[in-house]
Protein backbone atom coordinates (compact mmCIF):
# COMPACT_ATOMS: atom_id res chain seq x y z
CA ALA A 1 -3.78 -5.78 -8.11
CA SER A 2 -5.53 -7.39 -5.20
CA GLU A 3 -6.65 -10.99 -5.15
CA LEU A 4 -10.29 -9.85 -5.40
CA GLU A 5 -9.51 -7.85 -8.55
CA PHE A 6 -7.86 -10.87 -10.15
CA VAL A 7 -10.80 -13.14 -9.30
CA ILE A 8 -13.41 -10.65 -10.53
CA THR A 9 -11.48 -9.97 -13.74
CA SER A 10 -11.26 -13.69 -14.43
CA PHE A 11 -14.92 -14.18 -13.51
CA VAL A 12 -16.15 -11.39 -15.81
CA GLN A 13 -14.29 -12.79 -18.82
CA SER A 14 -16.80 -15.60 -19.43
CA PRO A 15 -19.93 -13.44 -19.72
CA ILE A 16 -17.90 -10.98 -21.83
CA ASN A 17 -17.03 -13.78 -24.25
CA LEU A 18 -20.69 -14.84 -24.31
CA HIS A 19 -21.85 -11.19 -24.72
CA ASN A 20 -24.14 -11.65 -21.71
CA SER A 21 -24.83 -8.10 -20.58
CA MET A 22 -27.31 -9.13 -17.85
CA THR A 23 -24.73 -11.28 -16.07
CA ILE A 24 -22.10 -8.57 -16.35
CA HIS A 25 -24.58 -6.07 -14.89
CA GLY A 26 -25.33 -8.44 -12.01
CA ILE A 27 -21.65 -8.72 -11.16
CA TYR A 28 -21.32 -4.92 -11.27
CA VAL A 29 -24.32 -4.40 -8.96
CA TRP A 30 -23.04 -7.06 -6.55
CA LEU A 31 -19.61 -5.41 -6.37
CA LYS A 32 -21.13 -1.98 -5.87
CA ASN A 33 -23.68 -3.00 -3.21
CA ILE A 34 -21.69 -5.58 -1.25
CA HIS A 35 -18.08 -4.41 -1.65
CA GLN A 36 -18.65 -0.68 -2.37
CA LEU A 37 -16.56 -0.99 -5.55
CA ASP A 38 -17.51 1.06 -8.60
CA TRP A 39 -15.42 -0.36 -11.41
CA SER A 40 -16.40 1.52 -14.54
CA TRP A 41 -14.66 -0.99 -16.80
CA ILE A 42 -17.35 -3.54 -15.91
CA GLN A 43 -20.06 -1.07 -16.97
CA ALA A 44 -18.20 -0.53 -20.25
CA CYS A 45 -18.11 -4.30 -20.83
CA GLU A 46 -21.82 -4.53 -20.08
CA GLN A 47 -22.63 -1.80 -22.60
CA ALA A 48 -20.42 -3.35 -25.27
CA ALA A 49 -22.04 -6.77 -24.80
CA TYR A 50 -25.50 -5.21 -25.03
CA GLU A 51 -24.66 -3.30 -28.20
CA TYR A 52 -23.10 -6.40 -29.75
CA LYS A 53 -26.34 -8.33 -29.16
CA LEU A 54 -28.31 -5.51 -30.78
CA LEU A 55 -26.09 -5.69 -33.86
CA LEU A 56 -26.73 -9.42 -34.19
CA ASN A 57 -30.50 -8.91 -34.25
């Protein structure tokens, strides 16, 4: 894995733990628009965080 992948993976862990789907989405959009990376695992994390929040309400 590249250094960027390691940093992004580490960075995404915090909003995953907080179930913050908006932050995860922002990271995904930034990666896609700036770095032309389409990492589907980030989208899956975003969806899971969103659904978890719905279950809590």
